[in-house]
Amino acid sequence: AAELIGSLVARLSPALDEAFCHDAKAVVEKGLDVREIEVAVLGNGEPVASVPGEIVPSGEFYDYAAKYLDDASELRIPAPLDAETAARVRDLAVRAFRALDLAGLARVDFFLEKTGGTLWLNEVNTLPGFTPISMYPKLWEASGLPFPRLVDRLITLAFDRHGRLLWTETYPGLVCRMEGGARRVVADTGVGMFADGIKATTDGRLFVATVNGGCVQILSEEGAK
């Protein structure tokens, strides 16, 4: 055991020296012989998953050069998976999306061990690439949603999510909400523009509000005081 530890330290030491030139912390992980599987997720309250895809890098790692500078890396869409594994990957991608309370889009990346078939969730990318070679739009195109319709769907999802927010109208003190494409007055605060915290209305009601991207969102009504 001591010899094994000594051998590992000798092999890792140069890599750690290099890592500590760039940061005060370094992460050492067990190496796995895996395939990289990716799934595109789309939606707000009811997200859906695309067919899985697989990245086969031209080198040991899918680094900048392998992704953007050479043409040797391969994107396999759909990924050559058995039906059970493909369904499991898609289900886990949606569950991860929901667990993180995401909205709009995300690409969920997995590692699939070549021996044994163990599946690892590697990362969730909440702003995946949208270049001509990017996996996210390619996955949706293979799933029956071409690029123009994908963009249209994302815009619709953004408007749908934004429409559930509350904000102050042009007239200070009026808190409004989008309902069915029309603004409806929710409360007359009588205290001017909202800021984070509790604000009173003219009828004695209290609201807990937060400012979100320039919009005012009512979090809860505290009741009369």
Protein backbone atom coordinates (compact mmCIF):
# COMPACT_ATOMS: atom_id res chain seq x y z
CA ALA A 1 0.00 0.00 0.00
CA ALA A 2 2.82 2.39 0.85
CA GLU A 3 4.49 1.71 -2.50
CA LEU A 4 1.21 2.37 -4.32
CA ILE A 5 0.68 5.66 -2.49
CA GLY A 6 4.27 6.68 -3.22
CA SER A 7 3.80 5.91 -6.90
CA LEU A 8 0.58 7.93 -7.04
CA VAL A 9 2.20 10.90 -5.32
CA ALA A 10 5.13 10.80 -7.73
CA ARG A 11 2.78 10.78 -10.72
CA LEU A 12 0.45 13.45 -9.36
CA SER A 13 3.05 15.82 -8.00
CA PRO A 14 3.96 17.53 -11.32
CA ALA A 15 0.27 17.92 -12.20
CA LEU A 16 -0.50 19.42 -8.79
CA ASP A 17 2.44 21.80 -9.08
CA GLU A 18 1.02 23.00 -12.38
CA ALA A 19 -2.51 23.29 -10.96
CA PHE A 20 -1.35 25.34 -7.98
CA CYS A 21 0.26 27.83 -10.35
CA HIS A 22 -3.26 28.80 -11.38
CA ASP A 23 -5.30 28.48 -8.16
CA ALA A 24 -5.03 27.79 -4.45
CA LYS A 25 -7.27 24.74 -4.72
CA ALA A 26 -7.04 21.62 -6.85
CA VAL A 27 -9.43 18.72 -7.29
CA VAL A 28 -8.14 15.17 -7.68
CA GLU A 29 -10.68 12.75 -9.10
CA LYS A 30 -10.65 9.09 -10.01
CA GLY A 31 -10.17 8.56 -13.71
CA LEU A 32 -12.96 6.71 -15.50
CA ASP A 33 -13.08 5.04 -18.89
CA VAL A 34 -16.32 6.54 -20.14
CA ARG A 35 -18.42 7.72 -23.03
CA GLU A 36 -19.74 11.29 -22.91
CA ILE A 37 -23.52 11.44 -23.41
CA GLU A 38 -25.45 14.71 -23.63
CA VAL A 39 -29.16 15.53 -23.56
CA ALA A 40 -30.89 18.82 -24.40
CA VAL A 41 -33.76 19.87 -22.13
CA LEU A 42 -36.37 22.46 -23.08
CA GLY A 43 -39.27 23.94 -21.14
CA ASN A 44 -40.40 25.71 -18.00
CA GLY A 45 -42.87 23.89 -15.76
CA GLU A 46 -43.04 20.81 -17.98
CA PRO A 47 -39.55 20.28 -19.45
CA VAL A 48 -38.92 17.71 -22.15
CA ALA A 49 -35.72 15.97 -23.23
CA SER A 50 -34.23 15.46 -26.68
CA VAL A 51 -32.71 12.27 -28.00
CA PRO A 52 -29.30 11.66 -26.42
CA GLY A 53 -26.12 12.47 -28.30
CA GLU A 54 -22.54 11.32 -27.85
CA ILE A 55 -19.27 13.22 -28.17
CA VAL A 56 -16.27 11.24 -29.41
CA PRO A 57 -13.27 13.58 -28.97
CA SER A 58 -10.31 13.48 -31.32
CA GLY A 59 -7.88 13.40 -28.39
CA GLU A 60 -7.80 12.26 -24.79
CA PHE A 61 -9.99 15.21 -23.76
CA TYR A 62 -12.67 17.24 -25.50
CA ASP A 63 -10.70 20.46 -25.09
CA TYR A 64 -10.79 23.72 -27.05
CA ALA A 65 -8.67 22.37 -29.89
CA ALA A 66 -10.74 19.19 -30.22
CA LYS A 67 -13.97 21.18 -30.19
CA TYR A 68 -13.17 24.18 -32.37
CA LEU A 69 -9.86 23.80 -34.20
CA ASP A 70 -9.85 20.35 -35.75
CA ASP A 71 -12.49 18.33 -37.55
CA ALA A 72 -11.58 14.96 -36.11
CA SER A 73 -14.01 14.95 -33.18
CA GLU A 74 -17.33 13.25 -33.84
CA LEU A 75 -20.87 14.01 -32.71
CA ARG A 76 -23.09 10.93 -32.80
CA ILE A 77 -26.76 11.91 -32.90
CA PRO A 78 -28.62 9.97 -31.74
CA ALA A 79 -26.10 8.25 -29.49
CA PRO A 80 -25.79 4.51 -30.10
CA LEU A 81 -27.49 3.38 -26.90
CA ASP A 82 -29.92 0.61 -26.12
CA ALA A 83 -33.51 1.75 -25.60
CA GLU A 84 -33.42 1.29 -21.82
CA THR A 85 -30.25 3.37 -21.34
CA ALA A 86 -31.49 6.09 -23.69
CA ALA A 87 -34.76 6.37 -21.77
CA ARG A 88 -32.93 6.47 -18.44
CA VAL A 89 -30.58 9.23 -19.62
CA ARG A 90 -33.50 11.35 -20.82
CA ASP A 91 -35.42 10.82 -17.58
CA LEU A 92 -32.41 11.76 -15.43
CA ALA A 93 -31.81 14.87 -17.54
CA VAL A 94 -35.35 16.12 -16.88
CA ARG A 95 -35.10 15.23 -13.19
CA ALA A 96 -31.85 17.18 -12.88
CA PHE A 97 -33.43 20.15 -14.66
CA ARG A 98 -36.34 20.13 -12.21
CA ALA A 99 -34.17 19.55 -9.15
CA LEU A 100 -32.20 22.71 -9.97
CA ASP A 101 -35.43 24.65 -10.65
CA LEU A 102 -34.26 25.63 -14.14
CA ALA A 103 -36.27 27.29 -16.88
CA GLY A 104 -35.97 27.66 -20.64
CA LEU A 105 -33.08 25.48 -21.66
CA ALA A 106 -30.15 23.43 -20.42
CA ARG A 107 -27.83 20.73 -21.67
CA VAL A 108 -27.30 17.88 -19.22
CA ASP A 109 -24.05 15.95 -19.64
CA PHE A 110 -23.42 12.39 -18.45
CA PHE A 111 -20.54 9.95 -18.27
CA LEU A 112 -21.39 6.36 -19.16
CA GLU A 113 -18.78 3.86 -18.03
CA LYS A 114 -17.70 1.61 -20.88
CA THR A 115 -17.41 -1.33 -18.50
CA GLY A 116 -20.44 -1.98 -16.32
CA GLY A 117 -22.61 0.78 -17.75
CA THR A 118 -22.66 2.96 -14.62
CA LEU A 119 -24.14 6.38 -15.45
CA TRP A 120 -22.76 9.55 -13.86
CA LEU A 121 -24.28 13.01 -14.08
CA ASN A 122 -21.28 15.18 -14.96
CA GLU A 123 -22.70 18.71 -15.25
CA VAL A 124 -25.72 20.83 -16.17
CA ASN A 125 -24.97 23.62 -18.63
CA THR A 126 -27.62 26.34 -18.27
CA LEU A 127 -26.35 28.34 -21.24
CA PRO A 128 -25.30 25.77 -23.85
CA GLY A 129 -23.64 26.75 -27.09
CA PHE A 130 -25.71 27.77 -30.09
CA THR A 131 -23.06 27.70 -32.82
CA PRO A 132 -23.52 25.64 -36.01
CA ILE A 133 -21.48 22.83 -34.41
CA SER A 134 -23.12 23.01 -30.98
CA MET A 135 -24.76 19.91 -29.58
CA TYR A 136 -27.88 21.59 -28.18
CA PRO A 137 -29.53 22.70 -31.46
CA LYS A 138 -28.30 19.56 -33.21
CA LEU A 139 -29.99 17.36 -30.61
CA TRP A 140 -33.31 19.15 -31.05
CA GLU A 141 -33.07 19.03 -34.82
CA ALA A 142 -32.62 15.25 -34.56
CA SER A 143 -35.64 15.18 -32.24
CA GLY A 144 -37.86 16.89 -34.83
CA LEU A 145 -37.44 20.52 -33.75
CA PRO A 146 -35.40 22.45 -36.36
CA PHE A 147 -33.43 25.55 -35.43
CA PRO A 148 -36.04 28.23 -36.39
CA ARG A 149 -38.75 26.47 -34.39
CA LEU A 150 -36.36 25.95 -31.48
CA VAL A 151 -35.62 29.67 -31.32
CA ASP A 152 -39.34 30.45 -31.55
CA ARG A 153 -40.04 28.00 -28.73
CA LEU A 154 -37.37 29.58 -26.51
CA ILE A 155 -38.82 33.04 -27.09
CA THR A 156 -42.30 31.75 -26.23
CA LEU A 157 -40.98 30.17 -23.03
CA ALA A 158 -39.28 33.43 -22.06
CA PHE A 159 -42.47 35.44 -22.57
CA ASP A 160 -44.45 32.82 -20.69
CA ARG A 161 -42.10 32.99 -17.72
CA HIS A 162 -41.90 36.78 -17.80
CA GLY A 163 -45.68 37.07 -17.97
CA ARG A 164 -46.02 35.52 -14.53
CA LEU A 165 -43.93 38.26 -12.94
CA LEU A 166 -45.39 41.38 -11.39
CA TRP A 167 -44.01 44.84 -11.95
CA THR A 168 -44.72 48.52 -11.38
CA GLU A 169 -46.49 50.22 -14.25
CA THR A 170 -45.70 53.65 -15.67
CA TYR A 171 -47.65 55.22 -12.83
CA PRO A 172 -45.73 54.81 -9.54
CA GLY A 173 -47.46 52.54 -7.08
CA LEU A 174 -49.50 50.39 -9.45
CA VAL A 175 -48.45 46.76 -9.37
CA CYS A 176 -49.61 44.87 -12.46
CA ARG A 177 -49.56 41.37 -13.85
CA MET A 178 -49.84 39.96 -17.37
CA GLU A 179 -52.92 37.74 -17.67
CA GLY A 180 -53.98 36.48 -21.06
CA GLY A 181 -51.92 39.15 -22.79
CA ALA A 182 -53.48 42.01 -20.80
CA ARG A 183 -52.19 43.92 -17.78
CA ARG A 184 -54.31 43.71 -14.65
CA VAL A 185 -53.83 45.93 -11.61
CA VAL A 186 -53.07 43.76 -8.59
CA ALA A 187 -52.50 46.41 -5.95
CA ASP A 188 -52.19 50.14 -5.49
CA THR A 189 -49.23 50.47 -3.17
CA GLY A 190 -49.62 54.18 -2.58
CA VAL A 191 -45.93 54.32 -1.72
CA GLY A 192 -44.27 54.78 -5.11
CA MET A 193 -41.95 52.32 -6.78
CA PHE A 194 -41.28 48.96 -5.18
CA ALA A 195 -37.92 47.93 -3.77
CA ASP A 196 -36.95 44.70 -2.09
CA GLY A 197 -38.83 44.10 1.14
CA ILE A 198 -42.33 44.63 2.52
CA LYS A 199 -44.53 47.36 1.06
CA ALA A 200 -47.95 48.55 2.20
CA THR A 201 -50.98 49.19 -0.01
CA THR A 202 -53.55 51.93 0.40
CA ASP A 203 -56.08 49.44 1.79
CA GLY A 204 -53.75 48.29 4.56
CA ARG A 205 -52.56 45.08 2.89
CA LEU A 206 -48.88 44.15 2.96
CA PHE A 207 -46.92 42.42 0.22
CA VAL A 208 -43.44 40.91 0.27
CA ALA A 209 -41.82 41.90 -3.01
CA THR A 210 -38.51 41.57 -4.77
CA VAL A 211 -37.09 43.36 -7.80
CA ASN A 212 -36.13 40.84 -10.45
CA GLY A 213 -34.42 42.18 -13.56
CA GLY A 214 -36.24 45.50 -13.34
CA CYS A 215 -39.58 43.81 -12.68
CA VAL A 216 -41.36 43.66 -9.37
CA GLN A 217 -42.39 40.18 -8.30
CA ILE A 218 -44.84 39.66 -5.46
CA LEU A 219 -43.61 36.80 -3.30
CA SER A 220 -46.46 36.68 -0.78
CA GLU A 221 -49.27 38.69 0.76
CA GLU A 222 -48.84 39.23 4.47
CA GLY A 223 -52.44 40.30 5.14
CA ALA A 224 -53.87 43.34 6.92
CA LYS A 225 -51.92 44.91 9.76
